[in-house]
Amino acid sequence: MSTEAAATEHAEGAHDDHGHGHHGPEWLAHHFDTPAQQFDAAKLGMWAFLAQELLFFSGLFVAYGVYRSWFPEMFRAASHQLNKEMGAFNTVVLLFSSLTAALAVRSSQVGKKKATGNYILITILCACAFLVVKFFEYRHKFEAGLLPGRFYHPHLDHLTAGPPLPANTGSFFSIYFMMTGVHGVHVAVGIGVLIWIWLRNNRGDFSKEYFTPIDIVALYWHLVDLVWIYLFPLLYLI
């Protein structure tokens, strides 16, 4: 339960931008009766959004499962062209970033503004490191001609040693680019939102009574981490 439930200060005579009388702390929206109600509504809304995101990604995972059941040998051969070391590094980076996101929430709960900002900044740096590694992975795929569908034209001198690649290997890389690309977009969005939260924290918008945005963004970031935890073994460790 958020400590927002303990906030009982009233700003007498204050009005918000909509002309409504303020009935609590400045950060309490006029359409909520209590800080606890606002916090619970925000968490419920975020969980509903995350459920939708899981449904979105589930379609990609179903496509992966169907194609892998049709072409298991092709998937095993194609996975040798993925850099397992880079994939493992990115997995560690995201796991660590989830830890720092959780620590940011905890620091905000106890009113440690500087520590909160530092943990958010570390999370942002980890997310950027993830995308940089992904850039180098993608660059290799372009150089090797390992592209989706009809753009699949492998260049033998750029391929990693492994089993011969069947003619339909482009299907694997279509799924690879779709799954990792959509996940990469989520990482980029996460970076933008984390920067926004970091700026607000530096401005002093949060306290141990009000830290809902930090908590909500951390939940989103944990989903980004969770999706990658499934992508890494399914794509890289076949």
C-alpha atoms as a PDB file:
ATOM      1  CA  MET A   1       0.000   0.000   0.000  1.00  0.00           C
ATOM      2  CA  SER A   2       1.376   3.439  -0.895  1.00  0.00           C
ATOM      3  CA  THR A   3       2.248   5.905   1.829  1.00  0.00           C
ATOM      4  CA  GLU A   4       0.102   8.342  -0.115  1.00  0.00           C
ATOM      5  CA  ALA A   5      -2.759   7.084   2.049  1.00  0.00           C
ATOM      6  CA  ALA A   6      -1.140   8.884   4.976  1.00  0.00           C
ATOM      7  CA  ALA A   7      -1.171  12.303   3.288  1.00  0.00           C
ATOM      8  CA  THR A   8      -3.955  14.406   4.828  1.00  0.00           C
ATOM      9  CA  GLU A   9      -2.864  17.995   4.291  1.00  0.00           C
ATOM     10  CA  HIS A  10      -5.426  20.375   2.808  1.00  0.00           C
ATOM     11  CA  ALA A  11      -4.755  23.441   0.686  1.00  0.00           C
ATOM     12  CA  GLU A  12      -7.572  25.713   1.829  1.00  0.00           C
ATOM     13  CA  GLY A  13      -9.066  27.925  -0.824  1.00  0.00           C
ATOM     14  CA  ALA A  14      -6.778  26.553  -3.575  1.00  0.00           C
ATOM     15  CA  HIS A  15      -8.178  25.727  -6.979  1.00  0.00           C
ATOM     16  CA  ASP A  16      -6.851  23.574  -9.786  1.00  0.00           C
ATOM     17  CA  ASP A  17      -6.729  24.482 -13.475  1.00  0.00           C
ATOM     18  CA  HIS A  18     -10.323  23.315 -13.949  1.00  0.00           C
ATOM     19  CA  GLY A  19     -11.728  25.647 -11.325  1.00  0.00           C
ATOM     20  CA  HIS A  20     -12.400  22.922  -8.776  1.00  0.00           C
ATOM     21  CA  GLY A  21     -11.660  23.539  -5.126  1.00  0.00           C
ATOM     22  CA  HIS A  22      -8.598  21.623  -3.893  1.00  0.00           C
ATOM     23  CA  HIS A  23      -9.505  19.083  -1.234  1.00  0.00           C
ATOM     24  CA  GLY A  24      -6.065  17.702  -0.440  1.00  0.00           C
ATOM     25  CA  PRO A  25      -2.371  17.894  -1.383  1.00  0.00           C
ATOM     26  CA  GLU A  26      -1.454  19.733  -4.572  1.00  0.00           C
ATOM     27  CA  TRP A  27      -0.703  16.467  -6.387  1.00  0.00           C
ATOM     28  CA  LEU A  28      -4.160  15.008  -5.628  1.00  0.00           C
ATOM     29  CA  ALA A  29      -6.355  15.277  -8.743  1.00  0.00           C
ATOM     30  CA  HIS A  30      -9.749  16.901  -8.147  1.00  0.00           C
ATOM     31  CA  HIS A  31     -11.685  13.798  -9.260  1.00  0.00           C
ATOM     32  CA  PHE A  32     -10.212  11.614  -6.500  1.00  0.00           C
ATOM     33  CA  ASP A  33     -11.406  11.757  -2.907  1.00  0.00           C
ATOM     34  CA  THR A  34      -8.222  10.451  -1.275  1.00  0.00           C
ATOM     35  CA  PRO A  35      -4.556   9.877  -2.172  1.00  0.00           C
ATOM     36  CA  ALA A  36      -5.087   6.140  -1.703  1.00  0.00           C
ATOM     37  CA  GLN A  37      -7.903   6.163  -4.261  1.00  0.00           C
ATOM     38  CA  GLN A  38      -5.715   7.998  -6.766  1.00  0.00           C
ATOM     39  CA  PHE A  39      -2.819   5.581  -6.237  1.00  0.00           C
ATOM     40  CA  ASP A  40      -5.047   2.494  -6.596  1.00  0.00           C
ATOM     41  CA  ALA A  41      -6.663   3.876  -9.773  1.00  0.00           C
ATOM     42  CA  ALA A  42      -3.255   4.578 -11.302  1.00  0.00           C
ATOM     43  CA  LYS A  43      -1.972   1.096 -10.480  1.00  0.00           C
ATOM     44  CA  LEU A  44      -5.139  -0.544 -11.838  1.00  0.00           C
ATOM     45  CA  GLY A  45      -4.857   1.446 -15.060  1.00  0.00           C
ATOM     46  CA  MET A  46      -1.212   0.474 -15.466  1.00  0.00           C
ATOM     47  CA  TRP A  47      -1.919  -3.217 -14.859  1.00  0.00           C
ATOM     48  CA  ALA A  48      -4.681  -3.053 -17.490  1.00  0.00           C
ATOM     49  CA  PHE A  49      -2.207  -1.496 -19.931  1.00  0.00           C
ATOM     50  CA  LEU A  50       0.405  -4.153 -19.157  1.00  0.00           C
ATOM     51  CA  ALA A  51      -2.183  -6.895 -19.724  1.00  0.00           C
ATOM     52  CA  GLN A  52      -2.874  -5.387 -23.157  1.00  0.00           C
ATOM     53  CA  GLU A  53       0.851  -5.330 -23.875  1.00  0.00           C
ATOM     54  CA  LEU A  54       1.126  -9.008 -22.959  1.00  0.00           C
ATOM     55  CA  LEU A  55      -1.723  -9.799 -25.357  1.00  0.00           C
ATOM     56  CA  PHE A  56       0.107  -7.839 -28.062  1.00  0.00           C
ATOM     57  CA  PHE A  57       3.369  -9.733 -27.549  1.00  0.00           C
ATOM     58  CA  SER A  58       1.513 -13.047 -27.249  1.00  0.00           C
ATOM     59  CA  GLY A  59       0.612 -12.831 -30.951  1.00  0.00           C
ATOM     60  CA  LEU A  60       4.307 -12.668 -31.808  1.00  0.00           C
ATOM     61  CA  PHE A  61       5.077 -15.591 -29.526  1.00  0.00           C
ATOM     62  CA  VAL A  62       2.292 -17.637 -31.129  1.00  0.00           C
ATOM     63  CA  ALA A  63       3.755 -16.903 -34.589  1.00  0.00           C
ATOM     64  CA  TYR A  64       7.146 -17.989 -33.306  1.00  0.00           C
ATOM     65  CA  GLY A  65       5.713 -21.241 -31.928  1.00  0.00           C
ATOM     66  CA  VAL A  66       3.844 -22.083 -35.123  1.00  0.00           C
ATOM     67  CA  TYR A  67       6.818 -21.476 -37.429  1.00  0.00           C
ATOM     68  CA  ARG A  68       9.239 -23.263 -35.148  1.00  0.00           C
ATOM     69  CA  SER A  69       6.960 -26.320 -35.074  1.00  0.00           C
ATOM     70  CA  TRP A  70       6.894 -26.275 -38.886  1.00  0.00           C
ATOM     71  CA  PHE A  71      10.630 -25.730 -39.417  1.00  0.00           C
ATOM     72  CA  PRO A  72      12.555 -26.858 -36.315  1.00  0.00           C
ATOM     73  CA  GLU A  73      15.802 -27.612 -38.158  1.00  0.00           C
ATOM     74  CA  MET A  74      15.775 -24.276 -39.933  1.00  0.00           C
ATOM     75  CA  PHE A  75      15.286 -22.440 -36.622  1.00  0.00           C
ATOM     76  CA  ARG A  76      18.205 -24.296 -35.026  1.00  0.00           C
ATOM     77  CA  ALA A  77      20.478 -23.524 -37.971  1.00  0.00           C
ATOM     78  CA  ALA A  78      19.459 -19.855 -38.105  1.00  0.00           C
ATOM     79  CA  SER A  79      19.963 -19.327 -34.364  1.00  0.00           C
ATOM     80  CA  HIS A  80      23.698 -19.997 -34.836  1.00  0.00           C
ATOM     81  CA  GLN A  81      23.873 -16.674 -36.684  1.00  0.00           C
ATOM     82  CA  LEU A  82      22.821 -14.767 -33.565  1.00  0.00           C
ATOM     83  CA  ASN A  83      25.492 -13.522 -31.203  1.00  0.00           C
ATOM     84  CA  LYS A  84      24.829 -15.327 -27.920  1.00  0.00           C
ATOM     85  CA  GLU A  85      27.412 -13.270 -26.036  1.00  0.00           C
ATOM     86  CA  MET A  86      25.726 -10.006 -27.023  1.00  0.00           C
ATOM     87  CA  GLY A  87      22.327 -11.451 -26.184  1.00  0.00           C
ATOM     88  CA  ALA A  88      23.544 -12.626 -22.768  1.00  0.00           C
ATOM     89  CA  PHE A  89      25.145  -9.233 -22.076  1.00  0.00           C
ATOM     90  CA  ASN A  90      21.882  -7.470 -22.893  1.00  0.00           C
ATOM     91  CA  THR A  91      20.011  -9.875 -20.617  1.00  0.00           C
ATOM     92  CA  VAL A  92      22.297  -9.015 -17.693  1.00  0.00           C
ATOM     93  CA  VAL A  93      21.984  -5.300 -18.488  1.00  0.00           C
ATOM     94  CA  LEU A  94      18.174  -5.417 -18.432  1.00  0.00           C
ATOM     95  CA  LEU A  95      18.065  -7.511 -15.260  1.00  0.00           C
ATOM     96  CA  PHE A  96      20.326  -4.984 -13.563  1.00  0.00           C
ATOM     97  CA  SER A  97      18.184  -2.120 -14.855  1.00  0.00           C
ATOM     98  CA  SER A  98      15.100  -3.736 -13.319  1.00  0.00           C
ATOM     99  CA  LEU A  99      16.945  -3.798  -9.994  1.00  0.00           C
ATOM    100  CA  THR A 100      17.823  -0.108 -10.243  1.00  0.00           C
ATOM    101  CA  ALA A 101      14.233   0.732 -11.233  1.00  0.00           C
ATOM    102  CA  ALA A 102      12.971  -1.075  -8.133  1.00  0.00           C
ATOM    103  CA  LEU A 103      15.561   0.718  -5.990  1.00  0.00           C
ATOM    104  CA  ALA A 104      14.395   4.041  -7.453  1.00  0.00           C
ATOM    105  CA  VAL A 105      10.864   3.261  -6.287  1.00  0.00           C
ATOM    106  CA  ARG A 106      12.096   2.320  -2.826  1.00  0.00           C
ATOM    107  CA  SER A 107      14.220   5.462  -2.544  1.00  0.00           C
ATOM    108  CA  SER A 108      11.253   7.619  -3.519  1.00  0.00           C
ATOM    109  CA  GLN A 109       9.116   5.891  -0.898  1.00  0.00           C
ATOM    110  CA  VAL A 110      11.498   6.976   1.844  1.00  0.00           C
ATOM    111  CA  GLY A 111      12.002  10.466   0.424  1.00  0.00           C
ATOM    112  CA  LYS A 112      15.587  10.108  -0.829  1.00  0.00           C
ATOM    113  CA  LYS A 113      15.462  12.426  -3.819  1.00  0.00           C
ATOM    114  CA  LYS A 114      19.143  12.208  -4.794  1.00  0.00           C
ATOM    115  CA  ALA A 115      19.275   8.407  -4.585  1.00  0.00           C
ATOM    116  CA  THR A 116      16.050   8.181  -6.587  1.00  0.00           C
ATOM    117  CA  GLY A 117      17.522  10.333  -9.345  1.00  0.00           C
ATOM    118  CA  ASN A 118      20.741   8.312  -9.392  1.00  0.00           C
ATOM    119  CA  TYR A 119      18.897   4.999  -9.708  1.00  0.00           C
ATOM    120  CA  ILE A 120      16.686   6.345 -12.492  1.00  0.00           C
ATOM    121  CA  LEU A 121      19.770   7.644 -14.318  1.00  0.00           C
ATOM    122  CA  ILE A 122      21.479   4.244 -14.051  1.00  0.00           C
ATOM    123  CA  THR A 123      18.338   2.613 -15.446  1.00  0.00           C
ATOM    124  CA  ILE A 124      18.407   5.029 -18.402  1.00  0.00           C
ATOM    125  CA  LEU A 125      22.087   4.293 -19.062  1.00  0.00           C
ATOM    126  CA  CYS A 126      21.427   0.544 -18.996  1.00  0.00           C
ATOM    127  CA  ALA A 127      18.575   0.979 -21.477  1.00  0.00           C
ATOM    128  CA  CYS A 128      20.839   2.998 -23.785  1.00  0.00           C
ATOM    129  CA  ALA A 129      23.556   0.327 -23.506  1.00  0.00           C
ATOM    130  CA  PHE A 130      20.979  -2.288 -24.525  1.00  0.00           C
ATOM    131  CA  LEU A 131      20.100  -0.349 -27.690  1.00  0.00           C
ATOM    132  CA  VAL A 132      23.750   0.242 -28.568  1.00  0.00           C
ATOM    133  CA  VAL A 133      24.437  -3.504 -28.402  1.00  0.00           C
ATOM    134  CA  LYS A 134      21.310  -4.129 -30.466  1.00  0.00           C
ATOM    135  CA  PHE A 135      22.572  -1.686 -33.079  1.00  0.00           C
ATOM    136  CA  PHE A 136      25.770  -3.686 -33.535  1.00  0.00           C
ATOM    137  CA  GLU A 137      23.753  -6.912 -33.739  1.00  0.00           C
ATOM    138  CA  TYR A 138      21.493  -5.462 -36.403  1.00  0.00           C
ATOM    139  CA  ARG A 139      24.450  -4.069 -38.335  1.00  0.00           C
ATOM    140  CA  HIS A 140      25.945  -7.545 -38.583  1.00  0.00           C
ATOM    141  CA  LYS A 141      22.643  -8.945 -39.872  1.00  0.00           C
ATOM    142  CA  PHE A 142      22.518  -6.280 -42.582  1.00  0.00           C
ATOM    143  CA  GLU A 143      26.126  -6.912 -43.578  1.00  0.00           C
ATOM    144  CA  ALA A 144      25.506 -10.664 -43.705  1.00  0.00           C
ATOM    145  CA  GLY A 145      22.273 -10.267 -45.695  1.00  0.00           C
ATOM    146  CA  LEU A 146      20.280 -11.991 -42.925  1.00  0.00           C
ATOM    147  CA  LEU A 147      17.157  -9.938 -43.454  1.00  0.00           C
ATOM    148  CA  PRO A 148      13.415 -10.644 -43.367  1.00  0.00           C
ATOM    149  CA  GLY A 149      11.526 -12.437 -46.118  1.00  0.00           C
ATOM    150  CA  ARG A 150      12.425 -11.559 -49.719  1.00  0.00           C
ATOM    151  CA  PHE A 151      15.337  -9.385 -48.538  1.00  0.00           C
ATOM    152  CA  TYR A 152      17.133 -12.471 -47.254  1.00  0.00           C
ATOM    153  CA  HIS A 153      20.352 -12.764 -49.293  1.00  0.00           C
ATOM    154  CA  PRO A 154      23.110 -14.285 -47.108  1.00  0.00           C
ATOM    155  CA  HIS A 155      26.722 -13.274 -47.757  1.00  0.00           C
ATOM    156  CA  LEU A 156      28.874 -16.300 -46.969  1.00  0.00           C
ATOM    157  CA  ASP A 157      31.927 -14.286 -45.956  1.00  0.00           C
ATOM    158  CA  HIS A 158      29.927 -12.622 -43.128  1.00  0.00           C
ATOM    159  CA  LEU A 159      28.197 -15.724 -41.756  1.00  0.00           C
ATOM    160  CA  THR A 160      29.094 -17.337 -38.458  1.00  0.00           C
ATOM    161  CA  ALA A 161      30.278 -20.941 -38.606  1.00  0.00           C
ATOM    162  CA  GLY A 162      27.352 -23.296 -38.182  1.00  0.00           C
ATOM    163  CA  PRO A 163      24.926 -25.607 -39.982  1.00  0.00           C
ATOM    164  CA  PRO A 164      23.990 -24.736 -43.594  1.00  0.00           C
ATOM    165  CA  LEU A 165      21.117 -22.276 -43.816  1.00  0.00           C
ATOM    166  CA  PRO A 166      17.988 -23.594 -45.600  1.00  0.00           C
ATOM    167  CA  ALA A 167      16.402 -21.496 -48.315  1.00  0.00           C
ATOM    168  CA  ASN A 168      13.464 -20.488 -46.092  1.00  0.00           C
ATOM    169  CA  THR A 169      15.685 -19.051 -43.329  1.00  0.00           C
ATOM    170  CA  GLY A 170      14.307 -15.609 -44.146  1.00  0.00           C
ATOM    171  CA  SER A 171      11.205 -16.620 -42.178  1.00  0.00           C
ATOM    172  CA  PHE A 172      13.281 -16.925 -39.012  1.00  0.00           C
ATOM    173  CA  PHE A 173      14.793 -13.481 -39.473  1.00  0.00           C
ATOM    174  CA  SER A 174      11.364 -12.011 -40.201  1.00  0.00           C
ATOM    175  CA  ILE A 175      10.278 -13.223 -36.758  1.00  0.00           C
ATOM    176  CA  TYR A 176      13.598 -12.197 -35.195  1.00  0.00           C
ATOM    177  CA  PHE A 177      13.415  -8.621 -36.472  1.00  0.00           C
ATOM    178  CA  MET A 178       9.735  -8.281 -35.630  1.00  0.00           C
ATOM    179  CA  MET A 179      10.076  -9.544 -32.055  1.00  0.00           C
ATOM    180  CA  THR A 180      13.323  -7.782 -31.196  1.00  0.00           C
ATOM    181  CA  GLY A 181      12.334  -4.658 -33.139  1.00  0.00           C
ATOM    182  CA  VAL A 182       9.027  -4.231 -31.323  1.00  0.00           C
ATOM    183  CA  HIS A 183      10.816  -4.883 -28.037  1.00  0.00           C
ATOM    184  CA  GLY A 184      13.433  -2.278 -29.003  1.00  0.00           C
ATOM    185  CA  VAL A 185      10.683   0.279 -29.602  1.00  0.00           C
ATOM    186  CA  HIS A 186       9.413  -0.406 -26.079  1.00  0.00           C
ATOM    187  CA  VAL A 187      12.922   0.138 -24.734  1.00  0.00           C
ATOM    188  CA  ALA A 188      13.171   3.467 -26.589  1.00  0.00           C
ATOM    189  CA  VAL A 189       9.778   4.564 -25.231  1.00  0.00           C
ATOM    190  CA  GLY A 190      10.928   3.520 -21.764  1.00  0.00           C
ATOM    191  CA  ILE A 191      14.019   5.715 -22.088  1.00  0.00           C
ATOM    192  CA  GLY A 192      11.861   8.710 -22.959  1.00  0.00           C
ATOM    193  CA  VAL A 193       9.516   8.166 -20.019  1.00  0.00           C
ATOM    194  CA  LEU A 194      12.406   7.536 -17.613  1.00  0.00           C
ATOM    195  CA  ILE A 195      14.024  10.814 -18.679  1.00  0.00           C
ATOM    196  CA  TRP A 196      10.730  12.596 -18.015  1.00  0.00           C
ATOM    197  CA  ILE A 197      10.515  11.024 -14.552  1.00  0.00           C
ATOM    198  CA  TRP A 198      14.163  11.890 -13.844  1.00  0.00           C
ATOM    199  CA  LEU A 199      13.552  15.543 -14.732  1.00  0.00           C
ATOM    200  CA  ARG A 200      10.457  15.677 -12.547  1.00  0.00           C
ATOM    201  CA  ASN A 201      12.348  14.115  -9.653  1.00  0.00           C
ATOM    202  CA  ASN A 202      15.115  16.728  -9.986  1.00  0.00           C
ATOM    203  CA  ARG A 203      12.412  19.404  -9.971  1.00  0.00           C
ATOM    204  CA  GLY A 204      11.152  18.084  -6.644  1.00  0.00           C
ATOM    205  CA  ASP A 205       7.771  16.797  -7.818  1.00  0.00           C
ATOM    206  CA  PHE A 206       7.997  13.609  -5.758  1.00  0.00           C
ATOM    207  CA  SER A 207       8.182  12.813  -2.070  1.00  0.00           C
ATOM    208  CA  LYS A 208       7.556   9.907   0.273  1.00  0.00           C
ATOM    209  CA  GLU A 209       3.881  10.923   0.175  1.00  0.00           C
ATOM    210  CA  TYR A 210       3.691  11.030  -3.636  1.00  0.00           C
ATOM    211  CA  PHE A 211       5.762   8.736  -5.865  1.00  0.00           C
ATOM    212  CA  THR A 212       3.064   7.170  -8.061  1.00  0.00           C
ATOM    213  CA  PRO A 213       4.651   8.090 -11.453  1.00  0.00           C
ATOM    214  CA  ILE A 214       7.944   6.456 -10.456  1.00  0.00           C
ATOM    215  CA  ASP A 215       6.128   3.313  -9.357  1.00  0.00           C
ATOM    216  CA  ILE A 216       4.088   3.186 -12.577  1.00  0.00           C
ATOM    217  CA  VAL A 217       7.086   3.669 -14.875  1.00  0.00           C
ATOM    218  CA  ALA A 218       9.018   0.987 -12.984  1.00  0.00           C
ATOM    219  CA  LEU A 219       6.157  -1.445 -13.617  1.00  0.00           C
ATOM    220  CA  TYR A 220       6.393  -0.734 -17.348  1.00  0.00           C
ATOM    221  CA  TRP A 221      10.146  -1.249 -17.269  1.00  0.00           C
ATOM    222  CA  HIS A 222       9.768  -4.604 -15.518  1.00  0.00           C
ATOM    223  CA  LEU A 223       7.526  -5.726 -18.399  1.00  0.00           C
ATOM    224  CA  VAL A 224      10.197  -4.707 -20.929  1.00  0.00           C
ATOM    225  CA  ASP A 225      12.695  -6.785 -18.955  1.00  0.00           C
ATOM    226  CA  LEU A 226      10.311  -9.742 -18.676  1.00  0.00           C
ATOM    227  CA  VAL A 227       9.664  -9.892 -22.423  1.00  0.00           C
ATOM    228  CA  TRP A 228      13.401  -9.967 -23.169  1.00  0.00           C
ATOM    229  CA  ILE A 229      13.921 -12.784 -20.652  1.00  0.00           C
ATOM    230  CA  TYR A 230      11.692 -14.894 -22.920  1.00  0.00           C
ATOM    231  CA  LEU A 231      13.105 -13.598 -26.203  1.00  0.00           C
ATOM    232  CA  PHE A 232      16.708 -14.411 -25.339  1.00  0.00           C
ATOM    233  CA  PRO A 233      16.367 -18.196 -24.873  1.00  0.00           C
ATOM    234  CA  LEU A 234      13.738 -18.600 -27.609  1.00  0.00           C
ATOM    235  CA  LEU A 235      15.841 -16.869 -30.267  1.00  0.00           C
ATOM    236  CA  TYR A 236      19.440 -17.272 -29.146  1.00  0.00           C
ATOM    237  CA  LEU A 237      19.592 -20.556 -27.221  1.00  0.00           C
ATOM    238  CA  ILE A 238      17.770 -22.955 -29.541  1.00  0.00           C
END
